[in-house]
């Protein structure tokens, strides 16, 4: 059976977000806005990008200012296969 890389990225991003925000992964939806729904401030976004960087994300290619939702973040990371 072929592994679905999008599902792996989705799981990893939701896990990292849940750890960072102190919520359960099941409480994070792909439609959630990083700012409006998850209440992430610019400093939170910067800190989270640093976490992604430690996981092998090439943040120089990530346009965080254009990413508004969890789903967009998952898609961007998944399309570019950034995570270890």
PDB file of N, CA and C in Angstrom:
ATOM      1  N   UNK A   1       0.844  -1.178   0.000  1.00  0.00           N
ATOM      2  CA  UNK A   1       0.000   0.000   0.000  1.00  0.00           C
ATOM      3  C   UNK A   1       0.891   1.243   0.000  1.00  0.00           C
ATOM      4  N   UNK A   2       0.565   2.220  -0.837  1.00  0.00           N
ATOM      5  CA  UNK A   2       1.340   3.448  -0.936  1.00  0.00           C
ATOM      6  C   UNK A   2       0.985   4.390   0.204  1.00  0.00           C
ATOM      7  N   UNK A   3       2.015   4.959   0.782  1.00  0.00           N
ATOM      8  CA  UNK A   3       1.825   5.902   1.881  1.00  0.00           C
ATOM      9  C   UNK A   3       1.397   7.256   1.321  1.00  0.00           C
ATOM     10  N   UNK A   4       0.478   7.922   1.989  1.00  0.00           N
ATOM     11  CA  UNK A   4       0.001   9.230   1.555  1.00  0.00           C
ATOM     12  C   UNK A   4       0.836  10.312   2.228  1.00  0.00           C
ATOM     13  N   UNK A   5       1.766  10.961   1.481  1.00  0.00           N
ATOM     14  CA  UNK A   5       2.625  11.972   2.098  1.00  0.00           C
ATOM     15  C   UNK A   5       1.852  13.174   2.622  1.00  0.00           C
ATOM     16  N   UNK A   6       0.719  13.510   1.973  1.00  0.00           N
ATOM     17  CA  UNK A   6      -0.084  14.642   2.444  1.00  0.00           C
ATOM     18  C   UNK A   6      -0.623  14.359   3.841  1.00  0.00           C
ATOM     19  N   UNK A   7      -1.064  13.118   4.068  1.00  0.00           N
ATOM     20  CA  UNK A   7      -1.589  12.749   5.383  1.00  0.00           C
ATOM     21  C   UNK A   7      -0.490  12.835   6.437  1.00  0.00           C
ATOM     22  N   UNK A   8       0.727  12.400   6.089  1.00  0.00           N
ATOM     23  CA  UNK A   8       1.849  12.479   7.024  1.00  0.00           C
ATOM     24  C   UNK A   8       2.159  13.926   7.384  1.00  0.00           C
ATOM     25  N   UNK A   9       2.183  14.802   6.382  1.00  0.00           N
ATOM     26  CA  UNK A   9       2.450  16.222   6.624  1.00  0.00           C
ATOM     27  C   UNK A   9       1.333  16.809   7.476  1.00  0.00           C
ATOM     28  N   UNK A  10       0.094  16.474   7.141  1.00  0.00           N
ATOM     29  CA  UNK A  10      -1.058  16.966   7.908  1.00  0.00           C
ATOM     30  C   UNK A  10      -0.930  16.553   9.370  1.00  0.00           C
ATOM     31  N   UNK A  11      -0.613  15.294   9.602  1.00  0.00           N
ATOM     32  CA  UNK A  11      -0.467  14.788  10.968  1.00  0.00           C
ATOM     33  C   UNK A  11       0.655  15.507  11.699  1.00  0.00           C
ATOM     34  N   UNK A  12       1.794  15.688  11.030  1.00  0.00           N
ATOM     35  CA  UNK A  12       2.941  16.344  11.660  1.00  0.00           C
ATOM     36  C   UNK A  12       2.657  17.807  11.973  1.00  0.00           C
ATOM     37  N   UNK A  13       2.067  18.523  11.026  1.00  0.00           N
ATOM     38  CA  UNK A  13       1.766  19.943  11.239  1.00  0.00           C
ATOM     39  C   UNK A  13       0.765  20.095  12.386  1.00  0.00           C
ATOM     40  N   UNK A  14      -0.295  19.290  12.371  1.00  0.00           N
ATOM     41  CA  UNK A  14      -1.295  19.377  13.438  1.00  0.00           C
ATOM     42  C   UNK A  14      -0.682  19.019  14.791  1.00  0.00           C
ATOM     43  N   UNK A  15       0.210  18.036  14.816  1.00  0.00           N
ATOM     44  CA  UNK A  15       0.871  17.646  16.061  1.00  0.00           C
ATOM     45  C   UNK A  15       1.749  18.784  16.573  1.00  0.00           C
ATOM     46  N   UNK A  16       2.540  19.377  15.682  1.00  0.00           N
ATOM     47  CA  UNK A  16       3.414  20.480  16.089  1.00  0.00           C
ATOM     48  C   UNK A  16       2.606  21.689  16.549  1.00  0.00           C
ATOM     49  N   UNK A  17       1.533  22.013  15.825  1.00  0.00           N
ATOM     50  CA  UNK A  17       0.670  23.127  16.226  1.00  0.00           C
ATOM     51  C   UNK A  17       0.022  22.852  17.578  1.00  0.00           C
ATOM     52  N   UNK A  18      -0.451  21.628  17.765  1.00  0.00           N
ATOM     53  CA  UNK A  18      -1.116  21.303  19.029  1.00  0.00           C
ATOM     54  C   UNK A  18      -0.144  21.397  20.197  1.00  0.00           C
ATOM     55  N   UNK A  19       1.085  20.927  19.992  1.00  0.00           N
ATOM     56  CA  UNK A  19       2.097  21.032  21.046  1.00  0.00           C
ATOM     57  C   UNK A  19       2.418  22.495  21.334  1.00  0.00           C
ATOM     58  N   UNK A  20       2.541  23.288  20.278  1.00  0.00           N
ATOM     59  CA  UNK A  20       2.882  24.699  20.441  1.00  0.00           C
ATOM     60  C   UNK A  20       1.759  25.468  21.140  1.00  0.00           C
ATOM     61  N   UNK A  21       0.519  25.179  20.743  1.00  0.00           N
ATOM     62  CA  UNK A  21      -0.629  25.924  21.265  1.00  0.00           C
ATOM     63  C   UNK A  21      -1.217  25.322  22.539  1.00  0.00           C
ATOM     64  N   UNK A  22      -0.830  24.096  22.871  1.00  0.00           N
ATOM     65  CA  UNK A  22      -1.362  23.447  24.062  1.00  0.00           C
ATOM     66  C   UNK A  22      -2.796  22.971  23.905  1.00  0.00           C
ATOM     67  N   UNK A  23      -3.138  22.519  22.699  1.00  0.00           N
ATOM     68  CA  UNK A  23      -4.473  21.981  22.427  1.00  0.00           C
ATOM     69  C   UNK A  23      -4.324  20.582  21.833  1.00  0.00           C
ATOM     70  N   UNK A  24      -5.438  19.878  21.734  1.00  0.00           N
ATOM     71  CA  UNK A  24      -5.430  18.544  21.131  1.00  0.00           C
ATOM     72  C   UNK A  24      -5.386  18.666  19.603  1.00  0.00           C
ATOM     73  N   UNK A  25      -4.657  17.764  18.925  1.00  0.00           N
ATOM     74  CA  UNK A  25      -4.624  17.801  17.455  1.00  0.00           C
ATOM     75  C   UNK A  25      -6.015  17.740  16.831  1.00  0.00           C
ATOM     76  N   UNK A  26      -6.938  17.005  17.456  1.00  0.00           N
ATOM     77  CA  UNK A  26      -8.301  16.898  16.924  1.00  0.00           C
ATOM     78  C   UNK A  26      -9.069  18.214  17.010  1.00  0.00           C
ATOM     79  N   UNK A  27      -8.585  19.156  17.818  1.00  0.00           N
ATOM     80  CA  UNK A  27      -9.228  20.464  17.940  1.00  0.00           C
ATOM     81  C   UNK A  27      -8.765  21.436  16.858  1.00  0.00           C
ATOM     82  N   UNK A  28      -7.841  21.005  16.013  1.00  0.00           N
ATOM     83  CA  UNK A  28      -7.316  21.849  14.941  1.00  0.00           C
ATOM     84  C   UNK A  28      -7.862  21.331  13.618  1.00  0.00           C
ATOM     85  N   UNK A  29      -8.564  22.216  12.892  1.00  0.00           N
ATOM     86  CA  UNK A  29      -9.125  21.872  11.586  1.00  0.00           C
ATOM     87  C   UNK A  29      -8.327  22.559  10.489  1.00  0.00           C
ATOM     88  N   UNK A  30      -8.334  21.956   9.307  1.00  0.00           N
ATOM     89  CA  UNK A  30      -7.624  22.550   8.174  1.00  0.00           C
ATOM     90  C   UNK A  30      -8.187  23.919   7.809  1.00  0.00           C
ATOM     91  N   UNK A  31      -9.457  24.151   8.095  1.00  0.00           N
ATOM     92  CA  UNK A  31     -10.090  25.423   7.759  1.00  0.00           C
ATOM     93  C   UNK A  31      -9.770  26.519   8.773  1.00  0.00           C
ATOM     94  N   UNK A  32      -9.183  26.156   9.904  1.00  0.00           N
ATOM     95  CA  UNK A  32      -8.888  27.139  10.951  1.00  0.00           C
ATOM     96  C   UNK A  32      -7.887  28.183  10.472  1.00  0.00           C
ATOM     97  N   UNK A  33      -8.225  29.427  10.735  1.00  0.00           N
ATOM     98  CA  UNK A  33      -7.302  30.527  10.471  1.00  0.00           C
ATOM     99  C   UNK A  33      -6.234  30.518  11.557  1.00  0.00           C
ATOM    100  N   UNK A  34      -4.980  30.667  11.139  1.00  0.00           N
ATOM    101  CA  UNK A  34      -3.889  30.696  12.115  1.00  0.00           C
ATOM    102  C   UNK A  34      -4.061  31.862  13.081  1.00  0.00           C
ATOM    103  N   UNK A  35      -4.541  32.994  12.578  1.00  0.00           N
ATOM    104  CA  UNK A  35      -4.674  34.195  13.404  1.00  0.00           C
ATOM    105  C   UNK A  35      -6.043  34.258  14.084  1.00  0.00           C
ATOM    106  N   UNK A  36      -7.122  34.206  13.307  1.00  0.00           N
ATOM    107  CA  UNK A  36      -8.464  34.408  13.864  1.00  0.00           C
ATOM    108  C   UNK A  36      -8.935  33.246  14.737  1.00  0.00           C
ATOM    109  N   UNK A  37      -8.727  32.016  14.291  1.00  0.00           N
ATOM    110  CA  UNK A  37      -9.234  30.857  15.032  1.00  0.00           C
ATOM    111  C   UNK A  37      -8.254  30.336  16.083  1.00  0.00           C
ATOM    112  N   UNK A  38      -6.980  30.303  15.728  1.00  0.00           N
ATOM    113  CA  UNK A  38      -5.977  29.758  16.653  1.00  0.00           C
ATOM    114  C   UNK A  38      -5.301  30.847  17.477  1.00  0.00           C
ATOM    115  N   UNK A  39      -5.677  32.097  17.209  1.00  0.00           N
ATOM    116  CA  UNK A  39      -5.208  33.252  17.982  1.00  0.00           C
ATOM    117  C   UNK A  39      -3.683  33.375  18.016  1.00  0.00           C
ATOM    118  N   UNK A  40      -3.050  33.069  16.876  1.00  0.00           N
ATOM    119  CA  UNK A  40      -1.599  33.193  16.800  1.00  0.00           C
ATOM    120  C   UNK A  40      -1.246  34.631  16.435  1.00  0.00           C
ATOM    121  N   UNK A  41      -0.373  35.221  17.219  1.00  0.00           N
ATOM    122  CA  UNK A  41       0.123  36.572  16.964  1.00  0.00           C
ATOM    123  C   UNK A  41       1.338  36.467  16.042  1.00  0.00           C
ATOM    124  N   UNK A  42       1.772  37.585  15.468  1.00  0.00           N
ATOM    125  CA  UNK A  42       2.964  37.537  14.605  1.00  0.00           C
ATOM    126  C   UNK A  42       4.168  36.874  15.281  1.00  0.00           C
ATOM    127  N   UNK A  43       4.348  37.115  16.574  1.00  0.00           N
ATOM    128  CA  UNK A  43       5.476  36.479  17.273  1.00  0.00           C
ATOM    129  C   UNK A  43       5.270  34.970  17.382  1.00  0.00           C
ATOM    130  N   UNK A  44       4.018  34.539  17.538  1.00  0.00           N
ATOM    131  CA  UNK A  44       3.727  33.102  17.573  1.00  0.00           C
ATOM    132  C   UNK A  44       4.045  32.458  16.227  1.00  0.00           C
ATOM    133  N   UNK A  45       3.651  33.141  15.157  1.00  0.00           N
ATOM    134  CA  UNK A  45       3.919  32.619  13.820  1.00  0.00           C
ATOM    135  C   UNK A  45       5.420  32.501  13.584  1.00  0.00           C
ATOM    136  N   UNK A  46       6.164  33.507  14.014  1.00  0.00           N
ATOM    137  CA  UNK A  46       7.622  33.478  13.877  1.00  0.00           C
ATOM    138  C   UNK A  46       8.211  32.318  14.669  1.00  0.00           C
ATOM    139  N   UNK A  47       7.753  32.156  15.898  1.00  0.00           N
ATOM    140  CA  UNK A  47       8.226  31.046  16.734  1.00  0.00           C
ATOM    141  C   UNK A  47       7.886  29.700  16.102  1.00  0.00           C
ATOM    142  N   UNK A  48       6.685  29.583  15.551  1.00  0.00           N
ATOM    143  CA  UNK A  48       6.277  28.316  14.952  1.00  0.00           C
ATOM    144  C   UNK A  48       7.106  28.010  13.708  1.00  0.00           C
ATOM    145  N   UNK A  49       7.418  29.031  12.935  1.00  0.00           N
ATOM    146  CA  UNK A  49       8.274  28.833  11.760  1.00  0.00           C
ATOM    147  C   UNK A  49       9.650  28.330  12.195  1.00  0.00           C
ATOM    148  N   UNK A  50      10.145  28.842  13.306  1.00  0.00           N
ATOM    149  CA  UNK A  50      11.429  28.361  13.829  1.00  0.00           C
ATOM    150  C   UNK A  50      11.341  26.884  14.210  1.00  0.00           C
ATOM    151  N   UNK A  51      10.206  26.473  14.755  1.00  0.00           N
ATOM    152  CA  UNK A  51      10.002  25.060  15.077  1.00  0.00           C
ATOM    153  C   UNK A  51      10.031  24.229  13.794  1.00  0.00           C
ATOM    154  N   UNK A  52       9.347  24.722  12.758  1.00  0.00           N
ATOM    155  CA  UNK A  52       9.360  24.018  11.477  1.00  0.00           C
ATOM    156  C   UNK A  52      10.780  23.929  10.924  1.00  0.00           C
ATOM    157  N   UNK A  53      11.547  24.991  11.113  1.00  0.00           N
ATOM    158  CA  UNK A  53      12.936  25.014  10.652  1.00  0.00           C
ATOM    159  C   UNK A  53      13.748  23.911  11.328  1.00  0.00           C
ATOM    160  N   UNK A  54      13.523  23.707  12.616  1.00  0.00           N
ATOM    161  CA  UNK A  54      14.257  22.655  13.333  1.00  0.00           C
ATOM    162  C   UNK A  54      13.842  21.263  12.869  1.00  0.00           C
ATOM    163  N   UNK A  55      12.686  21.171  12.193  1.00  0.00           N
ATOM    164  CA  UNK A  55      12.205  19.885  11.671  1.00  0.00           C
ATOM    165  C   UNK A  55      12.597  19.671  10.216  1.00  0.00           C
ATOM    166  N   UNK A  56      13.452  20.541   9.686  1.00  0.00           N
ATOM    167  CA  UNK A  56      13.932  20.362   8.325  1.00  0.00           C
ATOM    168  C   UNK A  56      13.237  21.209   7.288  1.00  0.00           C
ATOM    169  N   UNK A  57      12.446  22.164   7.706  1.00  0.00           N
ATOM    170  CA  UNK A  57      11.735  23.034   6.774  1.00  0.00           C
ATOM    171  C   UNK A  57      12.655  24.131   6.280  1.00  0.00           C
ATOM    172  N   UNK A  58      12.734  24.285   4.969  1.00  0.00           N
ATOM    173  CA  UNK A  58      13.489  25.389   4.387  1.00  0.00           C
ATOM    174  C   UNK A  58      12.578  26.610   4.410  1.00  0.00           C
ATOM    175  N   UNK A  59      12.683  27.390   5.479  1.00  0.00           N
ATOM    176  CA  UNK A  59      11.762  28.507   5.660  1.00  0.00           C
ATOM    177  C   UNK A  59      11.999  29.640   4.678  1.00  0.00           C
ATOM    178  N   UNK A  60      13.120  29.628   3.987  1.00  0.00           N
ATOM    179  CA  UNK A  60      13.381  30.679   3.005  1.00  0.00           C
ATOM    180  C   UNK A  60      12.398  30.592   1.837  1.00  0.00           C
ATOM    181  N   UNK A  61      11.812  29.415   1.601  1.00  0.00           N
ATOM    182  CA  UNK A  61      10.859  29.228   0.505  1.00  0.00           C
ATOM    183  C   UNK A  61       9.408  29.347   0.960  1.00  0.00           C
ATOM    184  N   UNK A  62       9.194  29.413   2.247  1.00  0.00           N
ATOM    185  CA  UNK A  62       7.840  29.459   2.788  1.00  0.00           C
ATOM    186  C   UNK A  62       7.360  30.900   2.880  1.00  0.00           C
ATOM    187  N   UNK A  63       6.256  31.195   2.209  1.00  0.00           N
ATOM    188  CA  UNK A  63       5.672  32.535   2.221  1.00  0.00           C
ATOM    189  C   UNK A  63       4.604  32.592   3.306  1.00  0.00           C
ATOM    190  N   UNK A  64       5.029  32.723   4.551  1.00  0.00           N
ATOM    191  CA  UNK A  64       4.100  32.681   5.679  1.00  0.00           C
ATOM    192  C   UNK A  64       3.068  33.798   5.611  1.00  0.00           C
ATOM    193  N   UNK A  65       3.437  34.941   5.053  1.00  0.00           N
ATOM    194  CA  UNK A  65       2.487  36.053   4.958  1.00  0.00           C
ATOM    195  C   UNK A  65       1.320  35.730   4.029  1.00  0.00           C
ATOM    196  N   UNK A  66       1.497  34.737   3.157  1.00  0.00           N
ATOM    197  CA  UNK A  66       0.433  34.353   2.235  1.00  0.00           C
ATOM    198  C   UNK A  66      -0.366  33.159   2.745  1.00  0.00           C
ATOM    199  N   UNK A  67       0.050  32.589   3.858  1.00  0.00           N
ATOM    200  CA  UNK A  67      -0.624  31.419   4.415  1.00  0.00           C
ATOM    201  C   UNK A  67      -1.545  31.877   5.537  1.00  0.00           C
ATOM    202  N   UNK A  68      -2.844  31.631   5.356  1.00  0.00           N
ATOM    203  CA  UNK A  68      -3.824  32.087   6.339  1.00  0.00           C
ATOM    204  C   UNK A  68      -4.410  30.962   7.175  1.00  0.00           C
ATOM    205  N   UNK A  69      -4.504  29.761   6.608  1.00  0.00           N
ATOM    206  CA  UNK A  69      -5.159  28.665   7.319  1.00  0.00           C
ATOM    207  C   UNK A  69      -4.204  27.500   7.564  1.00  0.00           C
ATOM    208  N   UNK A  70      -4.623  26.625   8.447  1.00  0.00           N
ATOM    209  CA  UNK A  70      -3.855  25.409   8.720  1.00  0.00           C
ATOM    210  C   UNK A  70      -3.741  24.587   7.436  1.00  0.00           C
ATOM    211  N   UNK A  71      -4.824  24.488   6.688  1.00  0.00           N
ATOM    212  CA  UNK A  71      -4.822  23.736   5.437  1.00  0.00           C
ATOM    213  C   UNK A  71      -3.839  24.285   4.423  1.00  0.00           C
ATOM    214  N   UNK A  72      -3.752  25.611   4.328  1.00  0.00           N
ATOM    215  CA  UNK A  72      -2.794  26.223   3.407  1.00  0.00           C
ATOM    216  C   UNK A  72      -1.363  25.914   3.834  1.00  0.00           C
ATOM    217  N   UNK A  73      -1.118  25.913   5.131  1.00  0.00           N
ATOM    218  CA  UNK A  73       0.209  25.572   5.643  1.00  0.00           C
ATOM    219  C   UNK A  73       0.539  24.117   5.318  1.00  0.00           C
ATOM    220  N   UNK A  74      -0.410  23.223   5.553  1.00  0.00           N
ATOM    221  CA  UNK A  74      -0.216  21.804   5.247  1.00  0.00           C
ATOM    222  C   UNK A  74       0.062  21.619   3.762  1.00  0.00           C
ATOM    223  N   UNK A  75      -0.724  22.296   2.930  1.00  0.00           N
ATOM    224  CA  UNK A  75      -0.553  22.174   1.484  1.00  0.00           C
ATOM    225  C   UNK A  75       0.814  22.683   1.048  1.00  0.00           C
ATOM    226  N   UNK A  76       1.214  23.837   1.548  1.00  0.00           N
ATOM    227  CA  UNK A  76       2.501  24.422   1.171  1.00  0.00           C
ATOM    228  C   UNK A  76       3.654  23.508   1.583  1.00  0.00           C
ATOM    229  N   UNK A  77       3.603  23.011   2.794  1.00  0.00           N
ATOM    230  CA  UNK A  77       4.656  22.118   3.276  1.00  0.00           C
ATOM    231  C   UNK A  77       4.619  20.800   2.506  1.00  0.00           C
ATOM    232  N   UNK A  78       3.425  20.272   2.280  1.00  0.00           N
ATOM    233  CA  UNK A  78       3.285  19.006   1.562  1.00  0.00           C
ATOM    234  C   UNK A  78       3.726  19.086   0.119  1.00  0.00           C
ATOM    235  N   UNK A  79       3.405  20.178  -0.551  1.00  0.00           N
ATOM    236  CA  UNK A  79       3.791  20.341  -1.947  1.00  0.00           C
ATOM    237  C   UNK A  79       5.301  20.393  -2.113  1.00  0.00           C
ATOM    238  N   UNK A  80       5.950  20.969  -1.141  1.00  0.00           N
ATOM    239  CA  UNK A  80       7.392  21.141  -1.244  1.00  0.00           C
ATOM    240  C   UNK A  80       8.173  20.086  -0.474  1.00  0.00           C
ATOM    241  N   UNK A  81       7.443  19.168   0.191  1.00  0.00           N
ATOM    242  CA  UNK A  81       8.072  18.066   0.912  1.00  0.00           C
ATOM    243  C   UNK A  81       9.191  18.553   1.809  1.00  0.00           C
ATOM    244  N   UNK A  82       8.873  19.538   2.650  1.00  0.00           N
ATOM    245  CA  UNK A  82       9.886  20.170   3.481  1.00  0.00           C
ATOM    246  C   UNK A  82      10.266  19.377   4.726  1.00  0.00           C
ATOM    247  N   UNK A  83       9.321  18.690   5.336  1.00  0.00           N
ATOM    248  CA  UNK A  83       9.602  18.066   6.631  1.00  0.00           C
ATOM    249  C   UNK A  83      10.423  16.799   6.486  1.00  0.00           C
ATOM    250  N   UNK A  84      11.238  16.530   7.516  1.00  0.00           N
ATOM    251  CA  UNK A  84      12.024  15.287   7.572  1.00  0.00           C
ATOM    252  C   UNK A  84      11.093  14.100   7.579  1.00  0.00           C
TER     253      UNK A  84
END
